[in-house]
Each structure stands twice: as structure tokens, then as C-alpha cells.
Protein backbone atom coordinates (compact mmCIF):
# COMPACT_ATOMS: atom_id res chain seq x y z
CA UNK A 1 37.26 13.61 -12.12
CA UNK A 2 37.97 11.99 -15.75
CA UNK A 3 36.43 8.38 -13.85
CA UNK A 4 33.92 7.79 -11.84
CA UNK A 5 35.29 6.41 -8.50
CA UNK A 6 33.39 6.29 -5.05
CA UNK A 7 33.10 9.86 -4.44
CA UNK A 8 29.13 8.47 -5.73
CA UNK A 9 28.83 5.88 -3.05
CA UNK A 10 29.97 8.33 -0.23
CA UNK A 11 27.05 7.82 2.67
CA UNK A 12 27.48 10.01 5.86
CA UNK A 13 26.95 8.90 9.26
CA UNK A 14 22.96 10.13 11.37
CA UNK A 15 23.31 11.05 15.18
CA UNK A 16 22.27 8.73 17.92
CA UNK A 17 22.61 5.91 15.86
CA UNK A 18 19.70 6.07 13.36
CA UNK A 19 21.34 4.51 10.46
CA UNK A 20 23.69 6.98 7.12
CA UNK A 21 22.14 8.43 4.99
CA UNK A 22 23.46 9.06 0.86
CA UNK A 23 25.16 12.15 0.17
CA UNK A 24 23.61 12.00 -2.71
CA UNK A 25 20.11 12.56 -3.45
CA UNK A 26 17.08 12.28 -5.20
CA UNK A 27 14.29 15.40 -4.81
CA UNK A 28 10.19 14.86 -5.77
CA UNK A 29 9.05 19.14 -6.14
CA UNK A 30 7.92 17.67 -9.52
CA UNK A 31 4.47 19.27 -10.74
CA UNK A 32 2.74 15.87 -12.84
CA UNK A 33 2.81 13.29 -10.45
CA UNK A 34 2.76 11.38 -13.92
CA UNK A 35 6.12 12.73 -14.02
CA UNK A 36 6.92 12.09 -10.89
CA UNK A 37 7.18 8.30 -11.00
CA UNK A 38 8.79 8.11 -14.41
CA UNK A 39 11.57 10.03 -12.86
CA UNK A 40 11.82 9.23 -9.47
CA UNK A 41 12.63 5.49 -11.58
CA UNK A 42 14.69 6.50 -13.28
CA UNK A 43 16.47 7.98 -10.30
CA UNK A 44 16.81 5.03 -8.38
CA UNK A 45 17.92 2.23 -11.67
CA UNK A 46 20.31 5.25 -12.54
CA UNK A 47 21.75 4.12 -8.54
CA UNK A 48 20.54 7.31 -6.34
CA UNK A 49 19.56 6.27 -2.69
CA UNK A 50 18.08 8.93 -1.52
CA UNK A 51 14.50 10.22 -2.16
CA UNK A 52 13.39 12.75 -0.76
CA UNK A 53 10.21 13.79 -0.67
CA UNK A 54 7.60 16.25 1.61
CA UNK A 55 3.52 17.00 2.19
CA UNK A 56 3.68 19.70 0.09
CA UNK A 57 4.40 18.74 -2.73
CA UNK A 58 1.80 16.74 -3.10
CA UNK A 59 3.53 13.74 -5.06
CA UNK A 60 4.13 11.34 -2.59
CA UNK A 61 1.42 8.88 -3.62
CA UNK A 62 3.28 8.58 -6.49
CA UNK A 63 6.84 8.54 -4.58
CA UNK A 64 5.24 5.99 -3.41
CA UNK A 65 4.24 3.66 -6.60
CA UNK A 66 7.37 4.26 -8.03
CA UNK A 67 8.86 2.37 -5.39
CA UNK A 68 7.03 -0.47 -4.74
CA UNK A 69 7.22 -0.08 -8.90
CA UNK A 70 10.85 -1.16 -8.66
CA UNK A 71 10.90 -2.96 -5.47
CA UNK A 72 9.61 -5.84 -6.87
CA UNK A 73 11.26 -6.07 -9.94
CA UNK A 74 13.71 -7.26 -7.25
CA UNK A 75 17.02 -5.43 -7.97
CA UNK A 76 16.39 -3.50 -5.50
CA UNK A 77 15.49 -2.94 -1.01
CA UNK A 78 13.31 -0.80 0.84
CA UNK A 79 15.78 -0.84 3.93
CA UNK A 80 18.52 -0.06 0.02
CA UNK A 81 16.62 2.81 0.23
CA UNK A 82 16.96 6.30 2.48
CA UNK A 83 13.50 7.84 2.57
CA UNK A 84 13.09 11.60 3.48
CA UNK A 85 9.36 13.03 3.52
CA UNK A 86 9.13 16.84 5.39
CA UNK A 87 6.02 17.60 7.78
CA UNK A 88 3.81 21.13 6.23
CA UNK A 89 3.28 24.50 7.61
CA UNK A 90 -0.33 23.91 8.39
CA UNK A 91 0.31 19.94 11.01
CA UNK A 92 2.23 21.68 12.93
CA UNK A 93 0.74 21.64 16.18
CA UNK A 94 1.33 19.29 18.13
CA UNK A 95 -1.50 17.01 17.76
CA UNK A 96 -2.09 17.47 13.98
CA UNK A 97 1.90 15.51 13.62
CA UNK A 98 1.71 11.83 13.90
CA UNK A 99 -1.61 12.29 12.13
CA UNK A 100 -0.33 14.02 9.18
CA UNK A 101 3.23 11.67 9.68
CA UNK A 102 0.78 8.55 8.92
CA UNK A 103 -0.21 10.14 6.40
CA UNK A 104 2.05 10.88 4.08
CA UNK A 105 2.62 6.58 5.15
CA UNK A 106 0.53 5.95 3.38
CA UNK A 107 1.14 8.06 0.03
CA UNK A 108 4.37 6.37 -0.20
CA UNK A 109 3.03 2.68 0.74
CA UNK A 110 5.27 2.76 3.98
CA UNK A 111 5.55 1.75 6.79
CA UNK A 112 8.82 4.03 8.46
CA UNK A 113 10.29 6.99 7.10
CA UNK A 114 14.26 7.21 7.34
CA UNK A 115 14.70 10.61 8.29
CA UNK A 116 11.15 13.22 8.79
CA UNK A 117 11.89 16.72 9.00
CA UNK A 118 9.92 19.65 10.13
CA UNK A 119 10.10 21.56 6.01
CA UNK A 120 9.98 24.72 7.08
CA UNK A 121 10.37 26.48 11.54
CA UNK A 122 6.82 28.71 10.10
CA UNK A 123 3.71 28.16 11.38
CA UNK A 124 1.08 28.60 9.07
CA UNK A 125 -3.46 28.19 10.41
CA UNK A 126 -3.79 24.74 11.66
CA UNK A 127 -6.15 22.83 8.99
CA UNK A 128 -6.87 21.23 5.02
CA UNK A 129 -5.69 24.20 3.70
CA UNK A 130 -1.09 24.29 2.91
CA UNK A 131 -1.49 27.57 2.15
CA UNK A 132 -4.20 30.03 4.19
CA UNK A 133 -4.19 33.56 2.78
CA UNK A 134 -5.82 36.47 4.43
CA UNK A 135 -8.56 38.96 2.75
CA UNK A 136 -5.90 40.39 1.40
CA UNK A 137 -3.58 37.77 0.05
CA UNK A 138 -1.14 37.38 2.93
CA UNK A 139 -1.13 34.54 4.44
CA UNK A 140 -2.28 33.24 7.56
CA UNK A 141 0.09 32.33 10.56
CA UNK A 142 0.20 30.68 13.34
CA UNK A 143 0.61 32.14 16.97
CA UNK A 144 -0.74 29.40 19.06
CA UNK A 145 2.69 26.80 18.60
CA UNK A 146 5.75 26.84 18.95
CA UNK A 147 8.89 25.65 17.02
CA UNK A 148 9.82 23.73 19.90
CA UNK A 149 6.43 21.99 20.84
CA UNK A 150 6.41 20.48 16.91
CA UNK A 151 9.93 19.38 17.75
CA UNK A 152 8.83 18.11 21.04
CA UNK A 153 5.92 16.23 19.52
CA UNK A 154 8.41 14.56 16.34
CA UNK A 155 10.62 13.58 18.85
CA UNK A 156 7.82 11.54 20.65
CA UNK A 157 7.78 9.90 16.84
CA UNK A 158 10.79 8.30 16.69
CA UNK A 159 10.42 6.80 20.73
CA UNK A 160 7.55 5.04 19.36
CA UNK A 161 9.75 3.58 16.99
CA UNK A 162 7.89 4.99 14.23
CA UNK A 163 10.80 7.37 12.41
CA UNK A 164 14.22 5.98 12.93
CA UNK A 165 15.57 10.59 13.18
CA UNK A 166 14.41 13.69 12.16
CA UNK A 167 16.03 16.91 10.96
CA UNK A 168 14.44 20.16 10.47
CA UNK A 169 14.41 22.44 6.91
CA UNK A 170 14.94 26.02 4.94
CA UNK A 171 16.19 27.38 9.24
CA UNK A 172 18.98 29.73 9.77
CA UNK A 173 21.60 29.70 12.29
CA UNK A 174 20.04 31.25 15.32
CA UNK A 175 16.81 29.25 15.08
CA UNK A 176 18.08 25.62 14.91
CA UNK A 177 20.63 27.19 17.40
CA UNK A 178 17.50 26.95 19.68
CA UNK A 179 15.81 24.28 18.73
CA UNK A 180 19.36 22.32 19.37
CA UNK A 181 20.36 24.03 23.03
CA UNK A 182 16.21 22.39 23.54
CA UNK A 183 15.97 19.43 21.84
CA UNK A 184 16.36 16.20 24.13
CA UNK A 185 16.85 14.34 20.48
CA UNK A 186 18.79 16.53 18.20
CA UNK A 187 17.96 16.78 14.23
CA UNK A 188 19.95 14.87 12.69
CA UNK A 189 19.40 16.86 9.57
CA UNK A 190 19.71 20.27 8.27
CA UNK A 191 18.25 20.66 5.08
CA UNK A 192 18.72 24.47 3.74
CA UNK A 193 19.76 25.59 -0.16
CA UNK A 194 23.76 25.41 -0.65
CA UNK A 195 25.90 25.88 -3.23
CA UNK A 196 28.89 27.56 -4.40
CA UNK A 197 26.64 30.71 -4.21
CA UNK A 198 25.61 30.39 -1.16
CA UNK A 199 28.21 27.92 0.34
CA UNK A 200 26.68 28.23 4.78
CA UNK A 201 29.81 28.08 5.58
CA UNK A 202 29.06 29.03 9.14
CA UNK A 203 25.93 26.90 9.28
CA UNK A 204 28.21 23.98 8.49
CA UNK A 205 31.08 24.31 10.74
CA UNK A 206 27.99 24.72 13.36
CA UNK A 207 26.29 21.41 11.91
CA UNK A 208 29.41 19.38 11.96
CA UNK A 209 30.79 20.18 15.66
CA UNK A 210 27.11 19.15 16.45
CA UNK A 211 26.71 16.32 14.39
CA UNK A 212 23.85 17.36 12.57
CA UNK A 213 24.32 16.52 8.65
CA UNK A 214 23.36 19.72 6.12
CA UNK A 215 21.52 18.49 2.72
CA UNK A 216 21.84 20.91 0.66
CA UNK A 217 18.69 21.02 -1.78
CA UNK A 218 18.64 23.90 -5.54
CA UNK A 219 22.38 22.74 -5.59
CA UNK A 220 22.56 23.32 -9.11
CA UNK A 221 21.35 26.97 -8.14
CA UNK A 222 17.84 25.34 -9.15
CA UNK A 223 18.89 26.79 -13.28
CA UNK A 224 18.39 31.02 -12.53
CA UNK A 225 20.37 34.42 -12.41
CA UNK A 226 23.36 34.66 -11.93
CA UNK A 227 22.99 31.19 -13.25
CA UNK A 228 25.45 27.97 -11.14
CA UNK A 229 26.62 26.40 -14.57
CA UNK A 230 27.79 29.58 -16.24
CA UNK A 231 30.40 30.97 -14.18
CA UNK A 232 33.18 31.39 -14.94
CA UNK A 233 36.00 29.58 -12.24
CA UNK A 234 33.00 25.90 -12.97
CA UNK A 235 33.05 26.38 -16.21
CA UNK A 236 36.75 25.96 -16.25
CA UNK A 237 37.31 23.54 -13.91
CA UNK A 238 34.85 21.19 -16.05
CA UNK A 239 37.37 21.91 -18.62
CA UNK A 240 40.34 20.47 -16.75
CA UNK A 241 38.64 17.97 -15.70
CA UNK A 242 36.54 17.04 -18.44
CA UNK A 243 33.32 17.52 -16.86
CA UNK A 244 30.13 18.73 -16.67
CA UNK A 245 30.12 22.20 -14.90
CA UNK A 246 26.56 20.13 -12.65
CA UNK A 247 28.50 17.81 -12.43
CA UNK A 248 31.96 19.48 -10.87
CA UNK A 249 29.61 21.88 -8.79
CA UNK A 250 27.52 18.32 -7.16
CA UNK A 251 30.85 17.08 -6.01
CA UNK A 252 31.68 20.03 -4.68
CA UNK A 253 28.91 19.49 -1.86
CA UNK A 254 29.89 16.35 -0.80
CA UNK A 255 33.88 16.27 -0.37
CA UNK A 256 32.71 18.93 1.49
CA UNK A 257 31.05 17.16 4.01
CA UNK A 258 27.54 17.64 3.06
CA UNK A 259 24.23 15.80 1.57
CA UNK A 260 22.82 17.18 -1.86
CA UNK A 261 20.17 17.02 -3.17
CA UNK A 262 19.43 17.19 -7.66
CA UNK A 263 15.90 16.91 -9.17
CA UNK A 264 15.50 16.31 -12.84
CA UNK A 265 13.11 14.69 -14.79
CA UNK A 266 15.48 13.63 -17.90
CA UNK A 267 16.93 10.56 -17.00
CA UNK A 268 19.79 11.61 -19.21
CA UNK A 269 20.16 14.93 -16.52
CA UNK A 270 19.76 12.15 -14.15
CA UNK A 271 22.39 9.79 -15.12
CA UNK A 272 24.81 13.25 -14.85
CA UNK A 273 23.80 14.42 -12.03
CA UNK A 274 24.86 10.56 -10.25
CA UNK A 275 27.85 10.59 -11.65
CA UNK A 276 30.27 12.70 -10.03
CA UNK A 277 34.18 11.70 -9.13
CA UNK A 278 36.21 13.38 -6.28
CA UNK A 279 37.34 16.99 -7.19
CA UNK A 280 41.31 17.16 -7.26
CA UNK A 281 42.32 19.83 -4.33
CA UNK A 282 43.06 22.65 -5.96
CA UNK A 283 39.24 22.93 -8.26
CA UNK A 284 37.57 23.07 -3.78
CA UNK A 285 40.35 26.08 -3.49
CA UNK A 286 39.37 27.69 -6.48
CA UNK A 287 35.66 27.31 -5.77
CA UNK A 288 36.48 28.72 -1.86
CA UNK A 289 38.25 31.47 -2.92
CA UNK A 290 37.38 32.80 -6.77
CA UNK A 291 33.62 31.93 -6.65
CA UNK A 292 32.10 35.82 -4.68
CA UNK A 293 28.62 36.68 -6.24
CA UNK A 294 26.58 35.53 -2.94
CA UNK A 295 23.02 34.98 -3.76
CA UNK A 296 20.11 32.92 -1.69
CA UNK A 297 17.50 31.62 -4.41
CA UNK A 298 15.15 30.71 -2.19
CA UNK A 299 13.71 32.74 0.37
CA UNK A 300 11.54 30.23 2.18
CA UNK A 301 13.84 31.37 4.57
CA UNK A 302 12.16 34.43 4.90
CA UNK A 303 8.71 33.91 4.83
CA UNK A 304 8.47 29.66 4.94
CA UNK A 305 6.38 29.84 1.19
CA UNK A 306 8.89 28.23 -0.84
CA UNK A 307 9.25 29.66 -4.05
CA UNK A 308 12.65 30.70 -6.57
CA UNK A 309 11.84 33.58 -6.41
CA UNK A 310 13.91 36.46 -9.39
CA UNK A 311 15.29 38.45 -7.03
CA UNK A 312 14.55 41.61 -9.40
CA UNK A 313 11.21 40.24 -9.20
CA UNK A 314 10.82 40.21 -4.88
CA UNK A 315 9.19 42.39 -2.79
CA UNK A 316 10.50 45.48 -1.07
């Protein structure tokens, strides 16, 4: 891994001839819109050609401004950038899907996105409130719609030529299998938390069999304890191949056939995260065989509510 090679330029074809997803993706979950814009521009300038967005992040407009400024400079074209955005939980009812999608397009200043994902398989009370709660502070779910009904509404977006591909996010293997079984248009992408502490081998094997691309978020463990980038196995490999622990973990993800998301507001870290190279086979084997820690940092698959909550602070 001493010299840059083609790994960082890896793309993975999507099902149904709906394009190809660049393996290295830049996640835009950044609270401050101004910082979002600056970081997104930096990511595109560094070389990232895959942006991951969501209505939930409340900053699609900032991402859109960043893209338009870069496109106007003439060095990067719209067709060079793969853009994903996501449908949030309060818009799962079929009649709300198209308006939500079009609202995202307006904010992003695009006429289509390359992939539209259901952000989580949980439906919340429909309305303008993204995080509806009852008097006890508990999430108000929507029993009036099924995930299958929401999926069919996404299929219609593809039928009408409004977006190129569709998929799911924050979903477990069992519910994914249920959608694959009834889908007329199969999911092209499934976005889940995955890293060496949560390799999700069973889900990855299923997706490979079905031609579904796995998109890994929190690919560096979200800098939470236990810190993936301080793991002795990762650190030793990094020293041996003259890369940083972060670069080793990201290279592992691409080399095993997944795409990934990494987020930073620091141009230095954005450049570091893009500068990955093919890991030697013995490093891949060491990570597979010697990392025994198993940690899920984000409990969203259990609740539908994203949140990187330290395990010690999670409700029982």
C-alpha cells in the first residue's frame, strides 16, 4: 500500500444497468450547512465522485450549492458524480414519496439522483415533523403503511424515469430478504453500518448472490470506543504498509467488494481518506481472522432513529 493504485477509483456496477457506484463515497451528515458546503466542495476537488445525502440531514441545499459551484468551474460534470439521497421515515406513505423526492431534487438543484434509498425500514407518523414524539417522548410510528407499499412507490419513480436506481438503508438481513422476495425492481444498493468490527458477512453474502451493492457507513467506526483505528491489528498493518490505520480500514472495505462512506470536515482528512491503495492479501486475512471485537455503534436498525450512542448510555 505504499503507492497509490487503482483501488480508490473502483466502481461497482448496479443491477439493471442503472450505472455504477464509485466505491469511495463522501457522506454529508454534517450539522452546519456552511461547513457542509465547504467539505462537499473539498471532497469533489480531492477526487470523490460519490456523494451521499438525505432529507434527514437538513443540508441538501448546501450540498446542492457546493455541487453547482464545482460544476460551473468546468472541471467536473454532473454526469461524473454519483448522487444518492434518502427518503425519511415521515414520508413512507406512498402518496408522500414523490413529493419528498421532488423536494430533495429542488434542494440539491438536480433533475434526478442516481440512487434513492429508504433511509430506514421504519415508518413514522406522516407529516412535517421528522421526529414525531408522544407525551412520554416515545417515537410515534405509523402502522398505516407497510415497507412493501413504500417500496412500490419507489419502483414507480424508476418506472417514470425520475431516478436511476433504488435501495434500502439501515436494514437487517431478514427484512431485506422480505423486500427482495416481493420486489418487482430489486434493490440496487443496501446501506448498512459495516467495518472490521461489524463485517456483516452474512448480509454481504446474500447481497452478492442477489447482485446488490453493499454501501458501508461508519466505515471507520465513527471514532467511538472501542476505536477501530487504534486496534492493534489495524495499527500493525498500517505501520507495515506505510499507511494510516484509517486508510487500512477503508482499503479493507473496498477490497472485499463493498462501497463505503466516510465523512470529514478537514481537507487533510478528506485527502487521507481518498488516498487508499490495495492491501496485501495477508493484511486482509489478518483483519478477518484476528479482529474478534464485534460492535454495532448505531442502534438505528432497532428503532429507525439514527444515533451513534455509546453502548454504556443506551437504554436497556
